[in-house]
Amino acid sequence: MAAPSPIPDADDRLSGCTCSRLRRLTRRVTAVYDHALAAVGLRVTQFSLLANLRGHPGLAMTDLAGRLDMDRTTLTRNLAPLIAAGWVEVTPSPEDARRRLVRITASGEETWRAARTHWRRAQGEVRSTIGDESLAVLHRLVDDTLPLFRPAEGPGDHE
């Protein structure tokens, strides 16, 4: 009886749930960023929201949700602690009071700047763990694959 091959064949690498594998990796990578950002009281999802709001006088909730590939209900839930901390504010649009605009506050900008060093440390840890070549392949695969999928509309996606 021949010893089993230590390298899985292509069929083995294609079996199993892709979503589970991606979510498992995402949870582990997220934990690296969350651990680093905890020093300034942020999670990586909050850091990303602040980063996406920088340089904009106010983004419509729908536009921000689209930029983040996130439904509006999830966005609203993720914004709540940032609003409570005074790092983000939501106001009615001057053109249409039904539209709500989201903007980073001066305090939010200050928090983002303080967090940036910790984010860079997490970024470096992920890079050194994965390695430059594998990280470039991962980024390219994600960048090439994202356009193939469109976020599904769910309840709360309409403004």
C-alpha atoms as a PDB file:
ATOM      1  CA  MET A   1       0.000   0.000   0.000  1.00  0.00           C
ATOM      2  CA  ALA A   2       1.458   3.339  -1.053  1.00  0.00           C
ATOM      3  CA  ALA A   3       1.826   6.121   1.495  1.00  0.00           C
ATOM      4  CA  PRO A   4      -0.678   8.950   1.043  1.00  0.00           C
ATOM      5  CA  SER A   5       0.638  12.005  -0.735  1.00  0.00           C
ATOM      6  CA  PRO A   6       1.316  14.920   1.657  1.00  0.00           C
ATOM      7  CA  ILE A   7       0.234  17.405  -1.039  1.00  0.00           C
ATOM      8  CA  PRO A   8      -3.514  17.460  -1.598  1.00  0.00           C
ATOM      9  CA  ASP A   9      -4.598  17.116  -5.197  1.00  0.00           C
ATOM     10  CA  ALA A  10      -6.691  19.774  -6.907  1.00  0.00           C
ATOM     11  CA  ASP A  11      -9.948  17.976  -6.064  1.00  0.00           C
ATOM     12  CA  ASP A  12      -9.149  18.111  -2.334  1.00  0.00           C
ATOM     13  CA  ARG A  13      -8.396  21.831  -2.518  1.00  0.00           C
ATOM     14  CA  LEU A  14     -11.688  22.490  -4.308  1.00  0.00           C
ATOM     15  CA  SER A  15     -13.857  20.509  -1.899  1.00  0.00           C
ATOM     16  CA  GLY A  16     -15.390  21.918   1.223  1.00  0.00           C
ATOM     17  CA  CYS A  17     -17.248  25.156   1.780  1.00  0.00           C
ATOM     18  CA  THR A  18     -15.470  28.163   0.299  1.00  0.00           C
ATOM     19  CA  CYS A  19     -17.503  30.543   2.441  1.00  0.00           C
ATOM     20  CA  SER A  20     -16.489  28.757   5.655  1.00  0.00           C
ATOM     21  CA  ARG A  21     -12.838  28.876   4.671  1.00  0.00           C
ATOM     22  CA  LEU A  22     -13.003  32.587   3.832  1.00  0.00           C
ATOM     23  CA  ARG A  23     -14.896  33.433   7.038  1.00  0.00           C
ATOM     24  CA  ARG A  24     -12.408  31.452   9.126  1.00  0.00           C
ATOM     25  CA  LEU A  25      -9.462  33.317   7.586  1.00  0.00           C
ATOM     26  CA  THR A  26     -11.273  36.630   7.956  1.00  0.00           C
ATOM     27  CA  ARG A  27     -11.942  35.995  11.660  1.00  0.00           C
ATOM     28  CA  ARG A  28      -8.269  35.219  12.290  1.00  0.00           C
ATOM     29  CA  VAL A  29      -6.977  38.243  10.360  1.00  0.00           C
ATOM     30  CA  THR A  30      -9.608  40.477  11.979  1.00  0.00           C
ATOM     31  CA  ALA A  31      -8.415  39.317  15.399  1.00  0.00           C
ATOM     32  CA  VAL A  32      -4.889  40.579  14.610  1.00  0.00           C
ATOM     33  CA  TYR A  33      -6.225  44.044  13.739  1.00  0.00           C
ATOM     34  CA  ASP A  34      -8.718  44.135  16.622  1.00  0.00           C
ATOM     35  CA  HIS A  35      -5.978  43.217  19.098  1.00  0.00           C
ATOM     36  CA  ALA A  36      -3.718  46.025  17.843  1.00  0.00           C
ATOM     37  CA  LEU A  37      -6.516  48.628  17.683  1.00  0.00           C
ATOM     38  CA  ALA A  38      -7.831  47.782  21.169  1.00  0.00           C
ATOM     39  CA  ALA A  39      -5.125  50.100  22.531  1.00  0.00           C
ATOM     40  CA  VAL A  40      -7.170  53.050  21.225  1.00  0.00           C
ATOM     41  CA  GLY A  41     -10.590  51.548  21.874  1.00  0.00           C
ATOM     42  CA  LEU A  42     -11.409  50.614  18.268  1.00  0.00           C
ATOM     43  CA  ARG A  43     -12.189  47.490  16.319  1.00  0.00           C
ATOM     44  CA  VAL A  44     -11.018  47.170  12.712  1.00  0.00           C
ATOM     45  CA  THR A  45     -14.579  47.643  11.425  1.00  0.00           C
ATOM     46  CA  GLN A  46     -14.729  50.994  13.241  1.00  0.00           C
ATOM     47  CA  PHE A  47     -11.278  52.025  12.014  1.00  0.00           C
ATOM     48  CA  SER A  48     -12.370  51.215   8.452  1.00  0.00           C
ATOM     49  CA  LEU A  49     -15.529  53.307   8.821  1.00  0.00           C
ATOM     50  CA  LEU A  50     -13.522  56.288  10.075  1.00  0.00           C
ATOM     51  CA  ALA A  51     -10.994  55.849   7.250  1.00  0.00           C
ATOM     52  CA  ASN A  52     -13.759  55.777   4.635  1.00  0.00           C
ATOM     53  CA  LEU A  53     -15.305  58.974   6.018  1.00  0.00           C
ATOM     54  CA  ARG A  54     -12.080  60.977   6.017  1.00  0.00           C
ATOM     55  CA  GLY A  55     -11.936  63.720   3.403  1.00  0.00           C
ATOM     56  CA  HIS A  56     -15.689  63.781   2.795  1.00  0.00           C
ATOM     57  CA  PRO A  57     -17.921  66.590   4.072  1.00  0.00           C
ATOM     58  CA  GLY A  58     -20.711  64.048   4.376  1.00  0.00           C
ATOM     59  CA  LEU A  59     -21.565  60.793   2.638  1.00  0.00           C
ATOM     60  CA  ALA A  60     -25.114  59.553   2.180  1.00  0.00           C
ATOM     61  CA  MET A  61     -25.767  56.385   4.156  1.00  0.00           C
ATOM     62  CA  THR A  62     -26.504  54.510   0.928  1.00  0.00           C
ATOM     63  CA  ASP A  63     -23.246  55.669  -0.672  1.00  0.00           C
ATOM     64  CA  LEU A  64     -21.183  54.735   2.375  1.00  0.00           C
ATOM     65  CA  ALA A  65     -22.874  51.328   2.581  1.00  0.00           C
ATOM     66  CA  GLY A  66     -22.069  50.786  -1.105  1.00  0.00           C
ATOM     67  CA  ARG A  67     -18.411  51.734  -0.643  1.00  0.00           C
ATOM     68  CA  LEU A  68     -18.153  49.164   2.136  1.00  0.00           C
ATOM     69  CA  ASP A  69     -20.229  46.414   0.460  1.00  0.00           C
ATOM     70  CA  MET A  70     -22.491  46.528   3.486  1.00  0.00           C
ATOM     71  CA  ASP A  71     -26.252  46.791   3.835  1.00  0.00           C
ATOM     72  CA  ARG A  72     -27.650  49.921   5.504  1.00  0.00           C
ATOM     73  CA  THR A  73     -28.941  48.016   8.539  1.00  0.00           C
ATOM     74  CA  THR A  74     -25.459  46.666   9.308  1.00  0.00           C
ATOM     75  CA  LEU A  75     -23.934  50.082   8.629  1.00  0.00           C
ATOM     76  CA  THR A  76     -26.353  51.742  11.047  1.00  0.00           C
ATOM     77  CA  ARG A  77     -25.504  49.164  13.734  1.00  0.00           C
ATOM     78  CA  ASN A  78     -21.737  49.642  13.150  1.00  0.00           C
ATOM     79  CA  LEU A  79     -22.041  53.437  13.254  1.00  0.00           C
ATOM     80  CA  ALA A  80     -23.903  53.471  16.589  1.00  0.00           C
ATOM     81  CA  PRO A  81     -20.822  53.192  18.870  1.00  0.00           C
ATOM     82  CA  LEU A  82     -18.931  55.758  16.760  1.00  0.00           C
ATOM     83  CA  ILE A  83     -21.827  58.191  17.069  1.00  0.00           C
ATOM     84  CA  ALA A  84     -22.066  57.545  20.814  1.00  0.00           C
ATOM     85  CA  ALA A  85     -18.321  58.266  21.161  1.00  0.00           C
ATOM     86  CA  GLY A  86     -18.707  61.528  19.220  1.00  0.00           C
ATOM     87  CA  TRP A  87     -16.415  60.346  16.408  1.00  0.00           C
ATOM     88  CA  VAL A  88     -19.117  60.395  13.729  1.00  0.00           C
ATOM     89  CA  GLU A  89     -22.288  62.379  13.243  1.00  0.00           C
ATOM     90  CA  VAL A  90     -25.331  61.764  11.085  1.00  0.00           C
ATOM     91  CA  THR A  91     -27.364  64.741   9.880  1.00  0.00           C
ATOM     92  CA  PRO A  92     -30.167  65.296   7.373  1.00  0.00           C
ATOM     93  CA  SER A  93     -29.038  66.378   3.913  1.00  0.00           C
ATOM     94  CA  PRO A  94     -29.671  70.095   3.243  1.00  0.00           C
ATOM     95  CA  GLU A  95     -31.053  69.136  -0.198  1.00  0.00           C
ATOM     96  CA  ASP A  96     -33.346  66.338   0.972  1.00  0.00           C
ATOM     97  CA  ALA A  97     -34.160  65.853   4.656  1.00  0.00           C
ATOM     98  CA  ARG A  98     -35.015  62.194   3.974  1.00  0.00           C
ATOM     99  CA  ARG A  99     -31.364  61.505   3.121  1.00  0.00           C
ATOM    100  CA  ARG A 100     -28.967  61.169   6.025  1.00  0.00           C
ATOM    101  CA  LEU A 101     -25.342  62.239   5.668  1.00  0.00           C
ATOM    102  CA  VAL A 102     -22.545  60.678   7.685  1.00  0.00           C
ATOM    103  CA  ARG A 103     -19.345  62.556   8.476  1.00  0.00           C
ATOM    104  CA  ILE A 104     -16.313  62.120  10.693  1.00  0.00           C
ATOM    105  CA  THR A 105     -15.970  64.679  13.491  1.00  0.00           C
ATOM    106  CA  ALA A 106     -12.752  66.386  14.616  1.00  0.00           C
ATOM    107  CA  SER A 107     -12.645  63.934  17.526  1.00  0.00           C
ATOM    108  CA  GLY A 108     -13.090  61.038  15.101  1.00  0.00           C
ATOM    109  CA  GLU A 109     -10.261  62.326  12.944  1.00  0.00           C
ATOM    110  CA  GLU A 110      -8.045  62.547  16.026  1.00  0.00           C
ATOM    111  CA  THR A 111      -8.981  58.998  17.031  1.00  0.00           C
ATOM    112  CA  TRP A 112      -8.268  57.728  13.511  1.00  0.00           C
ATOM    113  CA  ARG A 113      -4.826  59.386  13.562  1.00  0.00           C
ATOM    114  CA  ALA A 114      -4.030  57.806  16.938  1.00  0.00           C
ATOM    115  CA  ALA A 115      -5.184  54.408  15.666  1.00  0.00           C
ATOM    116  CA  ARG A 116      -3.218  54.551  12.413  1.00  0.00           C
ATOM    117  CA  THR A 117       0.054  53.515  14.110  1.00  0.00           C
ATOM    118  CA  HIS A 118      -1.634  50.484  15.663  1.00  0.00           C
ATOM    119  CA  TRP A 119      -3.258  49.605  12.318  1.00  0.00           C
ATOM    120  CA  ARG A 120       0.157  49.768  10.641  1.00  0.00           C
ATOM    121  CA  ARG A 121       1.548  47.386  13.264  1.00  0.00           C
ATOM    122  CA  ALA A 122      -1.278  44.916  12.553  1.00  0.00           C
ATOM    123  CA  GLN A 123      -0.727  45.347   8.811  1.00  0.00           C
ATOM    124  CA  GLY A 124       2.955  44.504   9.321  1.00  0.00           C
ATOM    125  CA  GLU A 125       2.091  41.443  11.399  1.00  0.00           C
ATOM    126  CA  VAL A 126      -0.247  40.112   8.722  1.00  0.00           C
ATOM    127  CA  ARG A 127       2.351  40.811   6.036  1.00  0.00           C
ATOM    128  CA  SER A 128       5.146  39.057   7.920  1.00  0.00           C
ATOM    129  CA  THR A 129       2.897  36.100   8.776  1.00  0.00           C
ATOM    130  CA  ILE A 130       1.708  35.559   5.207  1.00  0.00           C
ATOM    131  CA  GLY A 131       4.859  36.721   3.429  1.00  0.00           C
ATOM    132  CA  ASP A 132       5.163  39.318   0.693  1.00  0.00           C
ATOM    133  CA  GLU A 133       4.627  36.952  -2.244  1.00  0.00           C
ATOM    134  CA  SER A 134       1.581  35.224  -0.756  1.00  0.00           C
ATOM    135  CA  LEU A 135       0.127  38.541   0.368  1.00  0.00           C
ATOM    136  CA  ALA A 136       0.472  39.954  -3.159  1.00  0.00           C
ATOM    137  CA  VAL A 137      -1.243  36.841  -4.547  1.00  0.00           C
ATOM    138  CA  LEU A 138      -4.021  37.148  -1.945  1.00  0.00           C
ATOM    139  CA  HIS A 139      -4.574  40.848  -2.708  1.00  0.00           C
ATOM    140  CA  ARG A 140      -4.623  40.180  -6.445  1.00  0.00           C
ATOM    141  CA  LEU A 141      -7.076  37.291  -5.998  1.00  0.00           C
ATOM    142  CA  VAL A 142      -9.388  39.414  -3.850  1.00  0.00           C
ATOM    143  CA  ASP A 143      -9.165  42.399  -6.225  1.00  0.00           C
ATOM    144  CA  ASP A 144      -9.856  40.189  -9.256  1.00  0.00           C
ATOM    145  CA  THR A 145     -12.706  38.293  -7.566  1.00  0.00           C
ATOM    146  CA  LEU A 146     -14.647  41.126  -5.904  1.00  0.00           C
ATOM    147  CA  PRO A 147     -16.120  42.463  -9.178  1.00  0.00           C
ATOM    148  CA  LEU A 148     -17.500  38.994  -9.957  1.00  0.00           C
ATOM    149  CA  PHE A 149     -19.890  39.198  -7.012  1.00  0.00           C
ATOM    150  CA  ARG A 150     -22.435  41.887  -6.240  1.00  0.00           C
ATOM    151  CA  PRO A 151     -23.803  42.385  -2.752  1.00  0.00           C
ATOM    152  CA  ALA A 152     -27.323  41.033  -2.367  1.00  0.00           C
ATOM    153  CA  GLU A 153     -29.930  43.619  -1.508  1.00  0.00           C
ATOM    154  CA  GLY A 154     -31.671  42.946   1.740  1.00  0.00           C
ATOM    155  CA  PRO A 155     -34.177  44.704   3.930  1.00  0.00           C
ATOM    156  CA  GLY A 156     -32.924  48.127   4.939  1.00  0.00           C
ATOM    157  CA  ASP A 157     -30.864  48.646   1.800  1.00  0.00           C
ATOM    158  CA  HIS A 158     -33.106  51.389   0.507  1.00  0.00           C
ATOM    159  CA  GLU A 159     -32.844  54.996   1.634  1.00  0.00           C
END
